């Protein structure tokens, strides 16, 4: 069993688009399984995500996802800004229960720029 927040050497048969090359010579694919520990809405539909491994990453949700069905309320600014971390699931969640896979969010985001001190 892999501890939450640790990289997993397992392959995903159900979500092959989540697979990234593994660290071994055989390049065995694996899913990251890194929990999200903090979220901050920045502007528009952009979020600053902090992962359990300490990485801070930025994602423009609207550039990667369509807002229909359970995600349709994300078109409302106030609702979108109501995003929170669900620590039991290790990902972000909105007030209506809509959530997103942390692996997909990680792979779709970019490293956050650090501000100069």
N, C-alpha and C. Protein backbone atom coordinates (compact mmCIF):
# COMPACT_ATOMS: atom_id res chain seq x y z
N UNK A 1 0.84 -1.18 0.00
CA UNK A 1 0.00 0.00 0.00
C UNK A 1 0.89 1.25 0.00
N UNK A 2 0.49 2.25 -0.75
CA UNK A 2 1.26 3.48 -0.86
C UNK A 2 0.65 4.54 0.05
N UNK A 3 1.48 5.21 0.81
CA UNK A 3 1.00 6.27 1.70
C UNK A 3 0.48 7.43 0.87
N UNK A 4 -0.58 8.07 1.36
CA UNK A 4 -1.13 9.23 0.66
C UNK A 4 -0.06 10.31 0.57
N UNK A 5 0.02 10.91 -0.60
CA UNK A 5 0.99 11.98 -0.80
C UNK A 5 2.33 11.49 -1.34
N UNK A 6 2.50 10.18 -1.39
CA UNK A 6 3.75 9.63 -1.92
C UNK A 6 3.55 9.22 -3.37
N UNK A 7 4.61 9.24 -4.15
CA UNK A 7 4.52 8.79 -5.54
C UNK A 7 4.28 7.29 -5.55
N UNK A 8 3.44 6.85 -6.45
CA UNK A 8 3.09 5.44 -6.54
C UNK A 8 3.67 4.81 -7.79
N UNK A 9 4.26 3.61 -7.68
CA UNK A 9 4.80 2.95 -8.86
C UNK A 9 3.73 2.20 -9.64
N UNK A 10 2.48 2.35 -9.29
CA UNK A 10 1.43 1.60 -9.96
C UNK A 10 1.05 2.25 -11.29
N UNK A 11 0.59 1.44 -12.21
CA UNK A 11 0.09 1.95 -13.48
C UNK A 11 -1.43 2.05 -13.40
N UNK A 12 -2.00 2.96 -14.13
CA UNK A 12 -3.44 3.12 -14.16
C UNK A 12 -3.99 2.54 -15.46
N UNK A 13 -4.79 1.52 -15.34
CA UNK A 13 -5.40 0.93 -16.53
C UNK A 13 -6.64 1.72 -16.95
N UNK A 14 -7.25 2.39 -15.99
CA UNK A 14 -8.50 3.10 -16.27
C UNK A 14 -8.27 4.51 -16.77
N UNK A 15 -7.17 5.14 -16.41
CA UNK A 15 -6.90 6.51 -16.80
C UNK A 15 -5.52 6.62 -17.44
N UNK A 16 -5.34 6.06 -18.63
CA UNK A 16 -4.01 6.06 -19.23
C UNK A 16 -3.47 7.46 -19.51
N UNK A 17 -4.34 8.46 -19.62
CA UNK A 17 -3.86 9.82 -19.88
C UNK A 17 -3.17 10.41 -18.67
N UNK A 18 -3.26 9.76 -17.53
CA UNK A 18 -2.59 10.24 -16.32
C UNK A 18 -1.17 9.70 -16.20
N UNK A 19 -0.83 8.77 -17.04
CA UNK A 19 0.46 8.10 -16.89
C UNK A 19 1.60 8.98 -17.37
N UNK A 20 2.65 8.97 -16.61
CA UNK A 20 3.86 9.68 -16.98
C UNK A 20 5.01 8.70 -16.86
N UNK A 21 6.11 8.92 -17.56
CA UNK A 21 7.22 7.97 -17.49
C UNK A 21 7.73 7.79 -16.07
N UNK A 22 8.03 6.56 -15.72
CA UNK A 22 8.54 6.26 -14.40
C UNK A 22 10.03 6.49 -14.30
N UNK A 23 10.57 6.35 -13.10
CA UNK A 23 11.98 6.65 -12.88
C UNK A 23 12.95 5.56 -13.30
N UNK A 24 12.44 4.38 -13.64
CA UNK A 24 13.32 3.26 -13.96
C UNK A 24 13.77 3.24 -15.40
N UNK A 25 14.74 2.35 -15.69
CA UNK A 25 15.27 2.22 -17.04
C UNK A 25 14.19 1.75 -18.00
N UNK A 26 13.20 1.01 -17.48
CA UNK A 26 12.15 0.50 -18.35
C UNK A 26 11.04 1.54 -18.57
N UNK A 27 11.18 2.72 -17.91
CA UNK A 27 10.20 3.80 -18.04
C UNK A 27 8.78 3.33 -17.74
N UNK A 28 8.63 2.51 -16.71
CA UNK A 28 7.32 2.05 -16.28
C UNK A 28 6.48 3.25 -15.87
N UNK A 29 5.27 3.40 -16.42
CA UNK A 29 4.44 4.55 -16.08
C UNK A 29 3.89 4.45 -14.66
N UNK A 30 3.62 5.60 -14.06
CA UNK A 30 3.01 5.63 -12.74
C UNK A 30 2.19 6.90 -12.59
N UNK A 31 1.31 6.89 -11.62
CA UNK A 31 0.53 8.07 -11.28
C UNK A 31 1.16 8.71 -10.06
N UNK A 32 1.12 10.02 -9.98
CA UNK A 32 1.78 10.72 -8.88
C UNK A 32 1.11 10.51 -7.54
N UNK A 33 -0.20 10.56 -7.49
CA UNK A 33 -0.96 10.45 -6.24
C UNK A 33 -0.45 11.43 -5.18
N UNK A 34 -0.26 12.67 -5.56
CA UNK A 34 0.17 13.69 -4.60
C UNK A 34 -1.05 14.51 -4.20
N UNK A 35 -1.35 14.52 -2.91
CA UNK A 35 -2.51 15.25 -2.41
C UNK A 35 -2.31 16.76 -2.52
N UNK A 36 -3.42 17.46 -2.67
CA UNK A 36 -3.42 18.91 -2.62
C UNK A 36 -3.67 19.29 -1.16
N UNK A 37 -2.84 20.18 -0.63
CA UNK A 37 -2.96 20.58 0.78
C UNK A 37 -3.48 22.00 0.97
N UNK A 38 -3.41 22.82 -0.09
CA UNK A 38 -3.92 24.20 0.00
C UNK A 38 -4.32 24.67 -1.38
N UNK A 39 -5.32 25.56 -1.41
CA UNK A 39 -5.77 26.15 -2.67
C UNK A 39 -6.08 27.62 -2.43
N UNK A 40 -5.71 28.44 -3.42
CA UNK A 40 -5.99 29.87 -3.34
C UNK A 40 -6.45 30.36 -4.71
N UNK A 41 -7.70 30.86 -4.81
CA UNK A 41 -8.11 31.47 -6.07
C UNK A 41 -7.28 32.74 -6.29
N UNK A 42 -6.74 32.91 -7.50
CA UNK A 42 -5.89 34.07 -7.77
C UNK A 42 -6.69 35.14 -8.50
N UNK A 43 -7.04 34.88 -9.76
CA UNK A 43 -7.87 35.80 -10.53
C UNK A 43 -8.58 35.00 -11.59
N UNK A 44 -9.72 35.48 -12.03
CA UNK A 44 -10.48 34.73 -13.03
C UNK A 44 -10.74 33.32 -12.55
N UNK A 45 -10.34 32.35 -13.36
CA UNK A 45 -10.51 30.93 -13.01
C UNK A 45 -9.17 30.27 -12.74
N UNK A 46 -8.22 31.07 -12.24
CA UNK A 46 -6.88 30.57 -11.95
C UNK A 46 -6.74 30.25 -10.47
N UNK A 47 -6.13 29.11 -10.19
CA UNK A 47 -5.91 28.67 -8.81
C UNK A 47 -4.42 28.46 -8.56
N UNK A 48 -4.00 28.77 -7.35
CA UNK A 48 -2.67 28.42 -6.86
C UNK A 48 -2.86 27.20 -5.97
N UNK A 49 -2.24 26.10 -6.36
CA UNK A 49 -2.37 24.83 -5.63
C UNK A 49 -1.06 24.51 -4.92
N UNK A 50 -1.16 24.03 -3.69
CA UNK A 50 0.01 23.53 -2.96
C UNK A 50 -0.18 22.04 -2.78
N UNK A 51 0.84 21.27 -3.17
CA UNK A 51 0.77 19.82 -3.09
C UNK A 51 1.54 19.32 -1.87
N UNK A 52 1.24 18.10 -1.45
CA UNK A 52 1.85 17.52 -0.25
C UNK A 52 3.36 17.40 -0.36
N UNK A 53 3.89 17.37 -1.57
CA UNK A 53 5.34 17.29 -1.74
C UNK A 53 6.00 18.66 -1.65
N UNK A 54 5.20 19.71 -1.35
CA UNK A 54 5.72 21.06 -1.18
C UNK A 54 5.65 21.92 -2.44
N UNK A 55 5.37 21.31 -3.58
CA UNK A 55 5.30 22.08 -4.82
C UNK A 55 4.08 22.99 -4.83
N UNK A 56 4.28 24.20 -5.38
CA UNK A 56 3.19 25.14 -5.60
C UNK A 56 3.04 25.29 -7.09
N UNK A 57 1.81 25.08 -7.57
CA UNK A 57 1.57 25.09 -9.02
C UNK A 57 0.34 25.93 -9.32
N UNK A 58 0.32 26.50 -10.52
CA UNK A 58 -0.77 27.37 -10.97
C UNK A 58 -1.50 26.71 -12.12
N UNK A 59 -2.83 26.83 -12.09
CA UNK A 59 -3.63 26.28 -13.18
C UNK A 59 -4.79 27.22 -13.48
N UNK A 60 -5.02 27.46 -14.77
CA UNK A 60 -6.21 28.18 -15.23
C UNK A 60 -7.23 27.09 -15.54
N UNK A 61 -8.15 26.90 -14.62
CA UNK A 61 -9.13 25.81 -14.74
C UNK A 61 -9.92 25.93 -16.04
N UNK A 62 -10.30 27.15 -16.43
CA UNK A 62 -11.11 27.35 -17.64
C UNK A 62 -10.37 26.95 -18.91
N UNK A 63 -9.06 26.99 -18.89
CA UNK A 63 -8.28 26.61 -20.07
C UNK A 63 -8.22 25.09 -20.26
N UNK A 64 -8.53 24.34 -19.21
CA UNK A 64 -8.40 22.88 -19.27
C UNK A 64 -9.71 22.12 -19.12
N UNK A 65 -10.75 22.77 -18.59
CA UNK A 65 -12.00 22.07 -18.32
C UNK A 65 -13.18 22.89 -18.81
N UNK A 66 -14.22 22.21 -19.23
CA UNK A 66 -15.47 22.86 -19.63
C UNK A 66 -16.41 22.84 -18.43
N UNK A 67 -17.13 23.94 -18.25
CA UNK A 67 -18.03 24.06 -17.09
C UNK A 67 -19.46 23.71 -17.48
N UNK A 68 -19.77 22.42 -17.42
CA UNK A 68 -21.15 21.98 -17.64
C UNK A 68 -21.44 20.89 -16.62
N UNK A 69 -22.71 20.53 -16.51
CA UNK A 69 -23.11 19.52 -15.52
C UNK A 69 -22.81 20.01 -14.12
N UNK A 70 -22.18 19.17 -13.33
CA UNK A 70 -21.87 19.51 -11.94
C UNK A 70 -20.90 20.69 -11.84
N UNK A 71 -20.16 20.96 -12.93
CA UNK A 71 -19.20 22.06 -12.93
C UNK A 71 -19.79 23.38 -13.45
N UNK A 72 -21.03 23.39 -13.91
CA UNK A 72 -21.64 24.61 -14.44
C UNK A 72 -21.65 25.77 -13.44
N UNK A 73 -21.87 25.53 -12.14
CA UNK A 73 -21.83 26.64 -11.18
C UNK A 73 -20.48 27.35 -11.10
N UNK A 74 -19.41 26.73 -11.62
CA UNK A 74 -18.09 27.37 -11.59
C UNK A 74 -18.03 28.61 -12.49
N UNK A 75 -19.04 28.81 -13.32
CA UNK A 75 -19.13 30.03 -14.14
C UNK A 75 -19.39 31.25 -13.27
N UNK A 76 -19.94 31.06 -12.07
CA UNK A 76 -20.22 32.15 -11.15
C UNK A 76 -18.96 32.45 -10.33
N UNK A 77 -18.54 33.73 -10.34
CA UNK A 77 -17.30 34.11 -9.65
C UNK A 77 -17.30 33.74 -8.17
N UNK A 78 -18.38 34.09 -7.46
CA UNK A 78 -18.44 33.83 -6.02
C UNK A 78 -18.39 32.33 -5.74
N UNK A 79 -19.09 31.55 -6.55
CA UNK A 79 -19.10 30.10 -6.36
C UNK A 79 -17.72 29.54 -6.61
N UNK A 80 -17.07 29.98 -7.70
CA UNK A 80 -15.73 29.48 -8.03
C UNK A 80 -14.76 29.75 -6.88
N UNK A 81 -14.85 30.93 -6.29
CA UNK A 81 -13.95 31.31 -5.20
C UNK A 81 -14.25 30.54 -3.90
N UNK A 82 -15.33 29.79 -3.89
CA UNK A 82 -15.67 28.96 -2.73
C UNK A 82 -14.93 27.63 -2.69
N UNK A 83 -13.95 27.45 -3.56
CA UNK A 83 -13.18 26.21 -3.61
C UNK A 83 -12.42 26.01 -2.29
N UNK A 84 -12.37 24.79 -1.84
CA UNK A 84 -11.67 24.41 -0.61
C UNK A 84 -10.95 23.09 -0.83
N UNK A 85 -10.03 22.77 0.06
CA UNK A 85 -9.38 21.46 0.04
C UNK A 85 -10.24 20.49 0.83
N UNK A 86 -10.48 19.33 0.25
CA UNK A 86 -11.12 18.23 0.97
C UNK A 86 -9.98 17.31 1.41
N UNK A 87 -9.55 17.40 2.68
CA UNK A 87 -8.39 16.61 3.11
C UNK A 87 -8.63 15.10 3.07
N UNK A 88 -9.88 14.68 3.16
CA UNK A 88 -10.16 13.24 3.08
C UNK A 88 -9.93 12.70 1.67
N UNK A 89 -10.17 13.54 0.67
CA UNK A 89 -9.99 13.13 -0.72
C UNK A 89 -8.63 13.55 -1.27
N UNK A 90 -7.97 14.49 -0.60
CA UNK A 90 -6.66 14.95 -1.05
C UNK A 90 -6.74 15.82 -2.30
N UNK A 91 -7.89 16.48 -2.49
CA UNK A 91 -8.05 17.32 -3.67
C UNK A 91 -8.92 18.52 -3.35
N UNK A 92 -9.19 19.34 -4.38
CA UNK A 92 -10.03 20.51 -4.19
C UNK A 92 -11.49 20.15 -4.43
N UNK A 93 -12.37 20.94 -3.81
CA UNK A 93 -13.80 20.66 -3.92
C UNK A 93 -14.57 21.96 -3.79
N UNK A 94 -15.67 22.07 -4.53
CA UNK A 94 -16.54 23.24 -4.43
C UNK A 94 -17.73 22.91 -3.55
N UNK A 95 -18.50 23.93 -3.14
CA UNK A 95 -19.62 23.72 -2.22
C UNK A 95 -20.66 22.69 -2.67
N UNK A 96 -20.80 22.47 -3.98
CA UNK A 96 -21.77 21.49 -4.46
C UNK A 96 -21.20 20.07 -4.51
N UNK A 97 -19.97 19.89 -4.06
CA UNK A 97 -19.35 18.56 -4.04
C UNK A 97 -18.51 18.25 -5.27
N UNK A 98 -18.53 19.14 -6.27
CA UNK A 98 -17.71 18.91 -7.47
C UNK A 98 -16.23 18.95 -7.09
N UNK A 99 -15.49 17.98 -7.58
CA UNK A 99 -14.05 17.94 -7.31
C UNK A 99 -13.30 17.53 -8.56
N UNK A 100 -11.99 17.62 -8.51
CA UNK A 100 -11.15 17.27 -9.65
C UNK A 100 -9.99 16.40 -9.16
N UNK A 101 -9.59 15.48 -10.00
CA UNK A 101 -8.50 14.57 -9.67
C UNK A 101 -7.20 15.34 -9.47
N UNK A 102 -6.52 15.13 -8.34
CA UNK A 102 -5.27 15.87 -8.11
C UNK A 102 -4.18 15.54 -9.12
N UNK A 103 -4.15 14.32 -9.66
CA UNK A 103 -3.15 13.98 -10.68
C UNK A 103 -3.37 14.80 -11.94
N UNK A 104 -4.64 14.94 -12.35
CA UNK A 104 -4.96 15.73 -13.54
C UNK A 104 -4.59 17.19 -13.30
N UNK A 105 -4.92 17.72 -12.12
CA UNK A 105 -4.58 19.10 -11.80
C UNK A 105 -3.08 19.31 -11.80
N UNK A 106 -2.33 18.37 -11.25
CA UNK A 106 -0.87 18.48 -11.23
C UNK A 106 -0.31 18.49 -12.65
N UNK A 107 -0.74 17.53 -13.46
CA UNK A 107 -0.21 17.39 -14.81
C UNK A 107 -0.65 18.52 -15.74
N UNK A 108 -1.74 19.20 -15.40
CA UNK A 108 -2.25 20.29 -16.24
C UNK A 108 -1.77 21.66 -15.77
N UNK A 109 -1.07 21.71 -14.66
CA UNK A 109 -0.63 22.98 -14.08
C UNK A 109 0.84 23.24 -14.38
N UNK A 110 1.27 24.45 -14.04
CA UNK A 110 2.68 24.83 -14.21
C UNK A 110 3.24 25.27 -12.85
N UNK A 111 4.54 25.17 -12.72
CA UNK A 111 5.19 25.57 -11.47
C UNK A 111 4.91 27.04 -11.21
N UNK A 112 4.59 27.36 -9.97
CA UNK A 112 4.33 28.76 -9.58
C UNK A 112 5.65 29.51 -9.51
N UNK A 113 5.63 30.74 -9.96
CA UNK A 113 6.82 31.58 -9.85
C UNK A 113 6.95 32.06 -8.41
N UNK A 114 8.16 32.07 -7.92
CA UNK A 114 8.39 32.57 -6.56
C UNK A 114 8.74 34.04 -6.67
N UNK A 115 8.23 34.83 -5.74
CA UNK A 115 8.51 36.26 -5.77
C UNK A 115 9.87 36.52 -5.14
N UNK A 116 10.57 37.49 -5.66
CA UNK A 116 11.89 37.86 -5.14
C UNK A 116 11.72 38.58 -3.81
N UNK A 117 12.57 38.26 -2.87
CA UNK A 117 12.48 38.88 -1.54
C UNK A 117 13.24 40.19 -1.50
